[in-house]
Amino acid sequence: NLRAADAACVQMADTCYHQLGQQQIETLYDDTQESPGTKFAIHDLIGSPWQIVIGPRGVTQGTVELKERATGSKSELSLESALA
């Protein structure tokens, strides 16, 4: 969640987190107030293989960004598609 103070971002991130949990997928949910750059750096250090990035622009468009750490490839798609 790029903007932890934005209610729409929080709602989408919560939905994502709960759906991944239902699929038995271990998930780290970064709901801190840190800047996006700091959040990305922390998760790169942790070694998160996949990132689902939720921000205000994407929420408005109904999309999230899915990033594969190994290749650096990024895709914008619906939350449902990212979870599949």
Protein backbone atom coordinates (compact mmCIF):
# COMPACT_ATOMS: atom_id res chain seq x y z
CA ASN A 1 0.00 0.00 0.00
CA LEU A 2 1.72 3.14 -1.21
CA ARG A 3 -0.59 5.44 0.72
CA ALA A 4 -1.55 4.04 4.13
CA ALA A 5 -3.64 7.14 4.91
CA ASP A 6 -5.90 6.67 1.86
CA ALA A 7 -9.06 4.71 2.77
CA ALA A 8 -9.55 3.32 -0.76
CA CYS A 9 -5.95 2.07 -0.88
CA VAL A 10 -6.32 0.49 2.55
CA GLN A 11 -9.54 -1.24 1.52
CA MET A 12 -7.98 -2.71 -1.65
CA ALA A 13 -4.81 -3.75 0.21
CA ASP A 14 -6.85 -5.40 2.97
CA THR A 15 -8.89 -7.28 0.36
CA CYS A 16 -5.70 -8.42 -1.38
CA TYR A 17 -4.11 -9.54 1.89
CA HIS A 18 -7.16 -11.53 2.99
CA GLN A 19 -7.61 -13.21 -0.39
CA LEU A 20 -3.95 -14.27 -0.47
CA GLY A 21 -4.34 -15.65 3.05
CA GLN A 22 -7.37 -17.68 1.95
CA GLN A 23 -5.16 -19.17 -0.78
CA GLN A 24 -2.58 -20.12 1.89
CA ILE A 25 -0.01 -17.73 0.35
CA GLU A 26 2.40 -16.24 2.91
CA THR A 27 2.14 -12.48 2.57
CA LEU A 28 3.91 -9.44 4.00
CA TYR A 29 1.57 -6.44 4.12
CA ASP A 30 3.46 -3.15 4.45
CA ASP A 31 0.97 -0.72 5.96
CA THR A 32 3.62 1.62 7.36
CA GLN A 33 3.72 5.36 6.72
CA GLU A 34 7.15 5.09 5.01
CA SER A 35 7.75 6.59 1.58
CA PRO A 36 7.24 4.32 -1.45
CA GLY A 37 11.01 4.29 -2.12
CA THR A 38 11.72 3.13 1.42
CA LYS A 39 9.07 0.43 1.18
CA PHE A 40 10.52 -0.87 -2.11
CA ALA A 41 14.07 -0.86 -0.69
CA ILE A 42 12.99 -2.80 2.41
CA HIS A 43 11.20 -5.45 0.39
CA ASP A 44 14.15 -5.78 -1.98
CA LEU A 45 16.37 -6.42 1.06
CA ILE A 46 13.88 -8.95 2.42
CA GLY A 47 13.87 -10.64 -0.97
CA SER A 48 10.15 -10.64 -1.63
CA PRO A 49 9.84 -12.55 -4.93
CA TRP A 50 6.61 -10.81 -5.95
CA GLN A 51 5.13 -7.42 -5.08
CA ILE A 52 1.58 -6.23 -5.54
CA VAL A 53 1.74 -2.44 -5.43
CA ILE A 54 -1.48 -0.61 -4.56
CA GLY A 55 -1.65 3.15 -4.94
CA PRO A 56 -4.27 5.87 -5.39
CA ARG A 57 -3.95 6.06 -9.19
CA GLY A 58 -4.37 2.32 -9.57
CA VAL A 59 -7.29 2.19 -7.15
CA THR A 60 -9.06 4.85 -9.22
CA GLN A 61 -8.45 2.80 -12.38
CA GLY A 62 -9.21 -0.52 -10.67
CA THR A 63 -5.66 -1.84 -11.18
CA VAL A 64 -2.60 -2.87 -9.20
CA GLU A 65 1.02 -3.23 -10.25
CA LEU A 66 2.44 -6.74 -10.13
CA LYS A 67 6.25 -6.87 -9.99
CA GLU A 68 8.42 -9.96 -10.29
CA ARG A 69 11.64 -9.27 -8.37
CA ALA A 70 13.80 -11.80 -10.26
CA THR A 71 13.25 -10.18 -13.66
CA GLY A 72 12.11 -6.69 -12.65
CA SER A 73 9.11 -7.05 -14.94
CA LYS A 74 6.02 -5.05 -13.99
CA SER A 75 2.44 -5.38 -15.17
CA GLU A 76 -0.65 -3.31 -14.46
CA LEU A 77 -3.71 -5.50 -14.11
CA SER A 78 -6.86 -5.93 -12.09
CA LEU A 79 -6.50 -7.19 -8.53
CA GLU A 80 -8.34 -10.38 -9.49
CA SER A 81 -5.86 -11.07 -12.30
CA ALA A 82 -2.89 -10.38 -10.02
CA LEU A 83 -4.23 -12.79 -7.42
CA ALA A 84 -4.77 -15.50 -10.04
